[in-house]
Amino acid sequence: MLPGAQLSPETVFFFLFFFFFFIGKAAERQELNQGCQRTRSTGHISSCVFPEILSSRFPAGSAWSLQGWVTFLTPTAAKCSCSVPVGSGGSCKGSLAPHPGPACCSPAAAAYLLTATLYALAAMLSDFLRRLFITQYQYTYPAPLVLAQVLLTLLVLQSLRCLGCVPLRSYSLRLGELLLVPSLCSSFHTVLGLWAVGSAPSGLFNLTQCLVPIACLAWTHGLGTQRPPSVRVSLLITGISLGSLLPGIQSTHSEDSLVYLYAPLSLFLESLYLFWLQKVWERLPSGIGNISMLDIHYTVTVNSSLVLGFFCLLQLDSPQALIQGSWHSLLFLGYLAGLLALGSIVRLLLCVTALRSSAVTSAVMEVAKVDLVTLRSLVQCSLGSTSSPVLTSFFISTSGLLVYCYQLALNQTHLV
């Protein structure tokens, strides 16, 4: 970098976006070539299903269209010739030659990396709007805010369903019972995050987000999944998490003692939410029928609306949320709409990643967001004023993230 030049955060974001995009494109080409080579070696040219899979997920001329994302969110569109759905934990037994990992049934790597990039950017902007909205207007009502966010998600999903844009099943009591625990965890984790912004601003909550991948690894090894992480991947995830701790450990002090109770509780709730989603997705009962990821997210959202509605009724200050707001101000309404919309998008992307890949991959996206915030602070300040241990730990964490993204692009993290 030239002396006196400053690298803006927008430049960093665009660089990371194109980095992930080109890695995903290279992985798609490599996966396509390997699949066709295997089919040519076996003599079954017609069984090369990679072009059909890629064209079904990313239609020509509309790679990032709504229909492409709906196809990505629907497991029935991501089947190989043996009709084994993605996320079922089954193995592909088609005419392709056997190879390590369910590559023919795995989603497109570019969609994974694009989802991670969108999540990091949306989560950063959502955190910025939360701090700005809550501190400027002193709107410290986390439970009504989360309830409004959940109701907005339900409104959008029902509108898309009525318009025929997305296939969405009706609410099922059996599926709702299976997803009751993750619904509780997701609801109260989001409420605790908003409470920390308004009542006890501290870096401890951001610090606990770095430990979510380790907590997900503990749940995975303790309770078990159909795709347990390998030792090599577990060590890589541990290094990524621990490397991101040191840059933010100096801003964890808080005068409110409740922070030291709610921060570990938030860590517990988020990790359990991600792990439970993966567990339910892998072991869906056969009697429920064909369930898509949008159905899972819709069911969790309905459960969360009921839980949060009952929780708001128990709080005595919930009616003040309608009185204290500056509803005559367009700026207030704009901030509120942006906060609710971004929060809904973040919840959707987190759920999709946990179902499409794993709970660990979803937790790694949290660390990527924290590292982006750290990178922005390092760019804005002078590197000479930053201690060497902080720079070293940040380099370890970002290097581990790049290695993980590279392996994810090459479909080598199927054990995660």
Protein backbone atom coordinates (compact mmCIF):
# COMPACT_ATOMS: atom_id res chain seq x y z
CA MET A 1 0.00 0.00 0.00
CA LEU A 2 1.28 3.45 -0.83
CA PRO A 3 2.25 5.77 2.04
CA GLY A 4 -0.75 7.73 3.24
CA ALA A 5 -3.22 5.62 1.27
CA GLN A 6 -6.17 4.10 3.08
CA LEU A 7 -8.02 0.96 2.13
CA SER A 8 -11.74 1.54 2.49
CA PRO A 9 -13.97 -1.19 3.94
CA GLU A 10 -15.98 -1.28 0.71
CA THR A 11 -12.82 -2.20 -1.21
CA VAL A 12 -12.12 -5.00 1.24
CA PHE A 13 -15.69 -6.31 0.92
CA PHE A 14 -15.57 -6.34 -2.88
CA PHE A 15 -12.16 -8.04 -2.83
CA LEU A 16 -13.47 -10.80 -0.56
CA PHE A 17 -16.62 -11.18 -2.63
CA PHE A 18 -14.73 -11.68 -5.91
CA PHE A 19 -12.20 -13.93 -4.16
CA PHE A 20 -14.98 -16.27 -3.01
CA PHE A 21 -16.71 -16.03 -6.39
CA PHE A 22 -13.68 -17.08 -8.44
CA ILE A 23 -12.84 -19.90 -6.02
CA GLY A 24 -16.38 -21.19 -6.40
CA LYS A 25 -16.21 -21.01 -10.19
CA ALA A 26 -12.92 -22.93 -10.20
CA ALA A 27 -14.42 -25.56 -7.92
CA GLU A 28 -17.46 -25.95 -10.19
CA ARG A 29 -15.25 -26.52 -13.22
CA GLN A 30 -13.06 -29.01 -11.37
CA GLU A 31 -16.09 -30.91 -10.05
CA LEU A 32 -17.63 -31.01 -13.53
CA ASN A 33 -14.43 -32.28 -15.16
CA GLN A 34 -13.85 -34.95 -12.52
CA GLY A 35 -17.44 -36.20 -12.79
CA CYS A 36 -17.34 -36.44 -16.57
CA GLN A 37 -13.95 -38.21 -16.48
CA ARG A 38 -15.35 -40.81 -14.09
CA THR A 39 -18.39 -41.42 -16.27
CA ARG A 40 -16.29 -41.73 -19.42
CA SER A 41 -14.03 -44.27 -17.70
CA THR A 42 -17.06 -46.43 -16.81
CA GLY A 43 -18.62 -46.10 -20.25
CA HIS A 44 -21.85 -44.51 -18.97
CA ILE A 45 -21.78 -41.16 -20.70
CA SER A 46 -25.46 -40.57 -20.06
CA SER A 47 -24.94 -40.79 -16.29
CA CYS A 48 -22.86 -37.63 -16.14
CA VAL A 49 -25.37 -35.64 -14.12
CA PHE A 50 -23.16 -32.69 -13.23
CA PRO A 51 -24.29 -30.46 -16.12
CA GLU A 52 -27.93 -31.12 -15.24
CA ILE A 53 -27.31 -30.38 -11.55
CA LEU A 54 -25.44 -27.15 -12.25
CA SER A 55 -27.92 -25.99 -14.87
CA SER A 56 -30.85 -26.74 -12.55
CA ARG A 57 -29.36 -24.70 -9.72
CA PHE A 58 -28.04 -21.84 -11.84
CA PRO A 59 -30.20 -21.47 -14.98
CA ALA A 60 -28.62 -19.87 -18.00
CA GLY A 61 -29.02 -16.11 -18.05
CA SER A 62 -30.40 -15.97 -14.51
CA ALA A 63 -27.69 -17.39 -12.29
CA TRP A 64 -28.69 -15.38 -9.26
CA SER A 65 -32.44 -15.23 -9.97
CA LEU A 66 -35.15 -16.08 -7.46
CA GLN A 67 -35.80 -19.40 -9.18
CA GLY A 68 -32.13 -20.32 -8.83
CA TRP A 69 -32.20 -19.65 -5.10
CA VAL A 70 -35.49 -21.58 -4.73
CA THR A 71 -33.87 -24.54 -6.48
CA PHE A 72 -30.89 -24.25 -4.16
CA LEU A 73 -33.22 -24.28 -1.14
CA THR A 74 -35.17 -27.33 -2.33
CA PRO A 75 -33.53 -30.70 -1.72
CA THR A 76 -35.58 -32.50 -4.36
CA ALA A 77 -33.84 -30.50 -7.09
CA ALA A 78 -30.40 -31.58 -5.88
CA LYS A 79 -30.62 -35.31 -6.47
CA CYS A 80 -28.27 -37.53 -8.39
CA SER A 81 -29.25 -40.50 -10.56
CA CYS A 82 -29.84 -42.64 -7.44
CA SER A 83 -32.43 -40.15 -6.08
CA VAL A 84 -30.73 -39.64 -2.72
CA PRO A 85 -31.70 -36.18 -1.40
CA VAL A 86 -29.14 -33.80 -0.06
CA GLY A 87 -29.01 -33.73 3.71
CA SER A 88 -30.47 -37.20 4.15
CA GLY A 89 -27.10 -38.62 5.11
CA GLY A 90 -27.42 -41.40 2.51
CA SER A 91 -24.70 -42.40 0.11
CA CYS A 92 -24.88 -42.10 -3.65
CA LYS A 93 -25.21 -45.49 -5.35
CA GLY A 94 -25.68 -44.44 -8.92
CA SER A 95 -23.67 -45.37 -11.98
CA LEU A 96 -20.82 -43.05 -11.03
CA ALA A 97 -17.68 -44.64 -9.72
CA PRO A 98 -17.37 -44.51 -5.93
CA HIS A 99 -15.23 -41.72 -4.58
CA PRO A 100 -14.63 -40.13 -1.17
CA GLY A 101 -17.53 -37.97 -0.07
CA PRO A 102 -20.94 -37.49 -1.65
CA ALA A 103 -19.65 -35.17 -4.36
CA CYS A 104 -22.43 -35.93 -6.83
CA CYS A 105 -25.01 -35.01 -4.19
CA SER A 106 -23.19 -32.02 -2.72
CA PRO A 107 -24.43 -28.46 -3.40
CA ALA A 108 -22.59 -26.05 -5.63
CA ALA A 109 -19.54 -24.62 -3.88
CA ALA A 110 -20.17 -21.20 -5.37
CA ALA A 111 -23.55 -21.04 -3.63
CA TYR A 112 -21.90 -21.87 -0.31
CA LEU A 113 -19.29 -19.16 -0.67
CA LEU A 114 -21.79 -16.60 -1.92
CA THR A 115 -24.04 -17.39 1.04
CA ALA A 116 -21.14 -16.93 3.46
CA THR A 117 -20.21 -13.61 1.87
CA LEU A 118 -23.78 -12.33 1.92
CA TYR A 119 -24.16 -13.42 5.52
CA ALA A 120 -21.00 -11.62 6.64
CA LEU A 121 -22.00 -8.39 4.90
CA ALA A 122 -25.64 -8.55 6.03
CA ALA A 123 -24.65 -9.35 9.62
CA MET A 124 -22.17 -6.46 9.75
CA LEU A 125 -24.73 -4.00 8.38
CA SER A 126 -27.37 -5.40 10.74
CA ASP A 127 -25.07 -4.90 13.75
CA PHE A 128 -24.38 -1.34 12.64
CA LEU A 129 -28.10 -0.55 12.30
CA ARG A 130 -28.86 -2.15 15.66
CA ARG A 131 -26.30 0.01 17.46
CA LEU A 132 -27.40 3.14 15.61
CA PHE A 133 -31.12 2.56 16.06
CA ILE A 134 -31.10 1.45 19.70
CA THR A 135 -28.60 4.02 20.96
CA GLN A 136 -29.97 6.99 19.01
CA TYR A 137 -33.65 6.46 19.81
CA GLN A 138 -33.12 4.69 23.18
CA TYR A 139 -35.41 1.93 21.94
CA THR A 140 -34.46 -0.79 24.44
CA TYR A 141 -37.22 -3.30 23.77
CA PRO A 142 -35.49 -6.40 22.38
CA ALA A 143 -38.37 -8.88 22.62
CA PRO A 144 -40.88 -6.77 20.61
CA LEU A 145 -38.18 -6.09 18.01
CA VAL A 146 -37.46 -9.78 17.53
CA LEU A 147 -41.19 -10.52 17.41
CA ALA A 148 -41.65 -7.91 14.68
CA GLN A 149 -38.72 -9.44 12.79
CA VAL A 150 -40.28 -12.90 12.97
CA LEU A 151 -43.69 -11.61 11.89
CA LEU A 152 -42.09 -9.84 8.92
CA THR A 153 -40.46 -13.13 7.89
CA LEU A 154 -43.80 -14.92 8.08
CA LEU A 155 -45.46 -12.18 6.02
CA VAL A 156 -42.83 -12.39 3.28
CA LEU A 157 -42.89 -16.20 3.14
CA GLN A 158 -46.68 -16.31 2.99
CA SER A 159 -46.73 -13.64 0.28
CA LEU A 160 -44.21 -15.58 -1.83
CA ARG A 161 -46.25 -18.72 -1.29
CA CYS A 162 -49.48 -17.06 -2.42
CA LEU A 163 -47.73 -15.68 -5.51
CA GLY A 164 -46.41 -19.15 -6.36
CA CYS A 165 -42.77 -18.10 -6.13
CA VAL A 166 -41.71 -20.67 -3.52
CA PRO A 167 -43.09 -24.12 -2.64
CA LEU A 168 -44.04 -23.97 1.04
CA ARG A 169 -45.84 -26.61 3.06
CA SER A 170 -48.41 -25.82 5.68
CA TYR A 171 -47.39 -25.82 9.32
CA SER A 172 -47.09 -29.35 10.71
CA LEU A 173 -47.51 -30.02 14.43
CA ARG A 174 -45.18 -33.01 14.25
CA LEU A 175 -42.42 -31.04 12.57
CA GLY A 176 -43.07 -28.11 14.89
CA GLU A 177 -42.55 -30.39 17.88
CA LEU A 178 -39.22 -31.59 16.49
CA LEU A 179 -38.09 -27.99 15.95
CA LEU A 180 -39.36 -26.59 19.25
CA VAL A 181 -35.93 -26.60 20.93
CA PRO A 182 -34.09 -24.77 18.10
CA SER A 183 -36.96 -22.28 17.94
CA LEU A 184 -36.57 -21.50 21.64
CA CYS A 185 -32.79 -21.22 21.31
CA SER A 186 -32.94 -18.95 18.26
CA SER A 187 -35.55 -16.66 19.80
CA PHE A 188 -33.82 -16.06 23.11
CA HIS A 189 -30.36 -15.84 21.52
CA THR A 190 -31.57 -12.99 19.31
CA VAL A 191 -33.27 -11.29 22.26
CA LEU A 192 -30.06 -11.48 24.31
CA GLY A 193 -28.06 -9.98 21.45
CA LEU A 194 -30.38 -6.97 21.20
CA TRP A 195 -30.43 -6.61 24.98
CA ALA A 196 -26.63 -6.40 25.02
CA VAL A 197 -26.65 -3.57 22.47
CA GLY A 198 -29.11 -1.43 24.39
CA SER A 199 -28.53 -2.24 28.06
CA ALA A 200 -24.93 -3.40 28.43
CA PRO A 201 -22.76 -2.64 25.38
CA SER A 202 -19.65 -4.76 25.66
CA GLY A 203 -17.33 -6.75 23.43
CA LEU A 204 -18.01 -9.91 25.41
CA PHE A 205 -20.92 -10.93 23.19
CA ASN A 206 -18.77 -10.56 20.06
CA LEU A 207 -16.06 -12.53 21.81
CA THR A 208 -18.41 -15.41 22.54
CA GLN A 209 -19.35 -15.56 18.85
CA CYS A 210 -15.79 -16.63 18.13
CA LEU A 211 -16.32 -19.67 20.36
CA VAL A 212 -19.48 -20.85 18.59
CA PRO A 213 -17.55 -23.18 16.20
CA ILE A 214 -15.81 -24.86 19.15
CA ALA A 215 -19.15 -25.25 20.91
CA CYS A 216 -20.65 -26.79 17.76
CA LEU A 217 -17.71 -29.19 17.58
CA ALA A 218 -18.36 -30.16 21.19
CA TRP A 219 -22.04 -30.85 20.44
CA THR A 220 -21.09 -32.83 17.34
CA HIS A 221 -18.55 -35.02 19.13
CA GLY A 222 -20.70 -35.35 22.23
CA LEU A 223 -24.07 -36.22 20.68
CA GLY A 224 -22.87 -37.37 17.27
CA THR A 225 -24.02 -36.67 13.71
CA GLN A 226 -24.09 -38.63 10.49
CA ARG A 227 -21.18 -36.53 9.18
CA PRO A 228 -18.78 -36.11 12.10
CA PRO A 229 -15.88 -33.70 11.58
CA SER A 230 -12.46 -35.18 11.04
CA VAL A 231 -9.57 -34.48 13.41
CA ARG A 232 -7.83 -32.30 10.83
CA VAL A 233 -10.91 -30.15 10.27
CA SER A 234 -11.55 -29.94 14.03
CA LEU A 235 -8.04 -28.62 14.62
CA LEU A 236 -8.47 -26.11 11.79
CA ILE A 237 -11.77 -24.86 13.25
CA THR A 238 -10.21 -24.58 16.71
CA GLY A 239 -7.33 -22.51 15.34
CA ILE A 240 -9.73 -20.20 13.50
CA SER A 241 -11.80 -19.62 16.64
CA LEU A 242 -8.90 -19.11 19.04
CA GLY A 243 -7.08 -16.86 16.58
CA SER A 244 -10.03 -14.46 16.44
CA LEU A 245 -10.25 -14.09 20.23
CA LEU A 246 -7.22 -11.93 20.99
CA PRO A 247 -8.07 -8.83 18.87
CA GLY A 248 -11.33 -8.26 20.79
CA ILE A 249 -10.40 -9.48 24.24
CA GLN A 250 -9.45 -6.00 25.49
CA SER A 251 -13.01 -4.61 25.17
CA THR A 252 -14.81 -7.28 27.17
CA HIS A 253 -15.10 -5.37 30.46
CA SER A 254 -18.60 -4.37 31.51
CA GLU A 255 -20.04 -2.85 34.66
CA ASP A 256 -23.25 -4.85 34.34
CA SER A 257 -22.79 -8.25 35.96
CA LEU A 258 -25.61 -9.73 33.88
CA VAL A 259 -23.37 -9.59 30.82
CA TYR A 260 -21.12 -12.29 32.28
CA LEU A 261 -24.19 -14.51 32.67
CA TYR A 262 -25.98 -13.75 29.41
CA ALA A 263 -22.91 -13.98 27.14
CA PRO A 264 -22.19 -17.68 27.93
CA LEU A 265 -25.93 -18.34 27.78
CA SER A 266 -26.06 -16.79 24.31
CA LEU A 267 -23.14 -18.99 23.23
CA PHE A 268 -24.92 -22.07 24.53
CA LEU A 269 -28.21 -21.19 22.82
CA GLU A 270 -26.71 -20.40 19.42
CA SER A 271 -24.53 -23.50 19.25
CA LEU A 272 -27.41 -25.73 20.37
CA TYR A 273 -29.70 -24.10 17.78
CA LEU A 274 -27.31 -24.79 14.91
CA PHE A 275 -26.52 -28.34 16.02
CA TRP A 276 -30.17 -29.24 16.61
CA LEU A 277 -31.12 -27.99 13.15
CA GLN A 278 -28.49 -30.21 11.57
CA LYS A 279 -29.57 -33.16 13.72
CA VAL A 280 -33.24 -32.81 12.78
CA TRP A 281 -32.40 -32.38 9.09
CA GLU A 282 -30.31 -35.55 9.05
CA ARG A 283 -32.91 -37.66 10.85
CA LEU A 284 -36.26 -36.47 9.54
CA PRO A 285 -38.94 -39.13 10.12
CA SER A 286 -40.19 -40.80 6.97
CA GLY A 287 -43.82 -40.14 7.88
CA ILE A 288 -43.49 -36.36 7.59
CA GLY A 289 -42.93 -36.41 3.84
CA ASN A 290 -40.64 -34.44 1.59
CA ILE A 291 -39.47 -31.42 3.59
CA SER A 292 -37.43 -28.58 2.12
CA MET A 293 -35.18 -26.16 3.94
CA LEU A 294 -37.73 -23.39 3.51
CA ASP A 295 -40.25 -25.59 5.31
CA ILE A 296 -37.78 -26.01 8.18
CA HIS A 297 -37.17 -22.26 8.37
CA TYR A 298 -40.89 -21.54 8.14
CA THR A 299 -41.67 -23.97 10.96
CA VAL A 300 -38.94 -22.49 13.17
CA THR A 301 -40.30 -19.01 12.45
CA VAL A 302 -43.86 -19.98 13.37
CA ASN A 303 -42.66 -21.55 16.62
CA SER A 304 -40.58 -18.47 17.38
CA SER A 305 -43.55 -16.17 16.82
CA LEU A 306 -45.60 -18.11 19.37
CA VAL A 307 -42.77 -18.20 21.90
CA LEU A 308 -41.92 -14.51 21.51
CA GLY A 309 -45.58 -13.48 21.60
CA PHE A 310 -46.06 -15.27 24.91
CA PHE A 311 -42.79 -13.81 26.21
CA CYS A 312 -43.88 -10.27 25.32
CA LEU A 313 -47.15 -10.80 27.19
CA LEU A 314 -45.18 -11.70 30.31
CA GLN A 315 -43.12 -8.51 30.16
CA LEU A 316 -44.71 -5.48 31.77
CA ASP A 317 -42.90 -2.93 29.59
CA SER A 318 -43.91 -4.47 26.25
CA PRO A 319 -46.76 -1.93 25.68
CA GLN A 320 -44.19 0.84 25.99
CA ALA A 321 -42.64 -0.35 22.73
CA LEU A 322 -45.64 1.09 20.87
CA ILE A 323 -45.64 4.34 22.84
CA GLN A 324 -41.95 5.25 22.98
CA GLY A 325 -41.26 4.89 19.27
CA SER A 326 -40.92 7.96 17.04
CA TRP A 327 -43.50 6.67 14.59
CA HIS A 328 -43.95 10.08 12.95
CA SER A 329 -40.30 10.14 11.84
CA LEU A 330 -39.49 8.66 8.44
CA LEU A 331 -35.89 8.15 9.54
CA PHE A 332 -37.05 6.07 12.50
CA LEU A 333 -39.27 3.96 10.25
CA GLY A 334 -36.45 3.51 7.74
CA TYR A 335 -33.99 2.35 10.38
CA LEU A 336 -36.61 0.01 11.81
CA ALA A 337 -37.47 -1.48 8.41
CA GLY A 338 -33.80 -2.01 7.57
CA LEU A 339 -33.12 -3.56 10.96
CA LEU A 340 -36.01 -6.01 10.64
CA ALA A 341 -35.25 -6.91 7.01
CA LEU A 342 -31.54 -7.52 7.60
CA GLY A 343 -32.27 -9.54 10.72
CA SER A 344 -34.64 -11.76 8.75
CA ILE A 345 -32.05 -12.27 6.00
CA VAL A 346 -29.36 -13.18 8.54
CA ARG A 347 -31.62 -15.75 10.20
CA LEU A 348 -32.49 -17.29 6.83
CA LEU A 349 -28.87 -17.55 5.66
CA LEU A 350 -27.77 -19.03 8.97
CA CYS A 351 -30.49 -21.67 8.82
CA VAL A 352 -29.78 -22.50 5.17
CA THR A 353 -26.06 -22.97 5.81
CA ALA A 354 -26.67 -25.18 8.83
CA LEU A 355 -28.97 -27.41 6.77
CA ARG A 356 -27.10 -27.38 3.48
CA SER A 357 -23.64 -27.85 4.98
CA SER A 358 -23.36 -28.20 8.76
CA ALA A 359 -23.62 -26.37 12.05
CA VAL A 360 -19.86 -25.90 12.08
CA THR A 361 -19.89 -24.11 8.72
CA SER A 362 -22.62 -21.78 9.97
CA ALA A 363 -20.57 -21.04 13.08
CA VAL A 364 -17.49 -20.33 10.95
CA MET A 365 -19.48 -17.59 9.20
CA GLU A 366 -19.86 -15.91 12.59
CA VAL A 367 -16.07 -15.89 12.96
CA ALA A 368 -15.71 -14.51 9.43
CA LYS A 369 -17.97 -11.61 10.40
CA VAL A 370 -15.89 -10.91 13.51
CA ASP A 371 -12.69 -11.00 11.45
CA LEU A 372 -14.15 -8.54 8.95
CA VAL A 373 -14.94 -6.16 11.80
CA THR A 374 -11.39 -6.57 13.10
CA LEU A 375 -9.98 -5.96 9.62
CA ARG A 376 -12.00 -2.78 9.30
CA SER A 377 -10.68 -1.49 12.62
CA LEU A 378 -7.11 -2.36 11.63
CA VAL A 379 -7.50 -0.54 8.31
CA GLN A 380 -8.89 2.59 9.96
CA CYS A 381 -6.12 2.79 12.56
CA SER A 382 -2.37 2.70 12.13
CA LEU A 383 -0.76 -0.73 12.03
CA GLY A 384 2.15 0.60 14.06
CA SER A 385 -0.12 1.13 17.06
CA THR A 386 -1.34 -2.48 16.92
CA SER A 387 0.53 -5.02 18.99
CA SER A 388 2.27 -7.96 17.35
CA PRO A 389 0.23 -10.66 19.18
CA VAL A 390 -3.00 -9.12 17.89
CA LEU A 391 -1.73 -9.06 14.31
CA THR A 392 -0.40 -12.61 14.62
CA SER A 393 -3.67 -14.00 15.96
CA PHE A 394 -5.65 -12.14 13.31
CA PHE A 395 -3.35 -13.55 10.61
CA ILE A 396 -3.83 -17.08 11.98
CA SER A 397 -7.61 -16.73 12.01
CA THR A 398 -7.90 -15.25 8.52
CA SER A 399 -5.45 -17.78 7.09
CA GLY A 400 -7.49 -20.59 8.59
CA LEU A 401 -10.66 -19.09 7.12
CA LEU A 402 -9.09 -18.96 3.66
CA VAL A 403 -7.94 -22.57 3.96
CA TYR A 404 -11.42 -23.61 5.07
CA CYS A 405 -13.03 -21.72 2.18
CA TYR A 406 -10.60 -23.32 -0.26
CA GLN A 407 -11.39 -26.81 1.02
CA LEU A 408 -15.09 -25.99 0.95
CA ALA A 409 -14.76 -24.88 -2.67
CA LEU A 410 -13.03 -28.16 -3.54
CA ASN A 411 -15.74 -30.16 -1.73
CA GLN A 412 -13.21 -31.50 0.76
CA THR A 413 -15.17 -30.55 3.87
CA HIS A 414 -17.85 -33.20 3.45
CA LEU A 415 -16.90 -34.53 6.89
CA VAL A 416 -17.97 -31.25 8.49
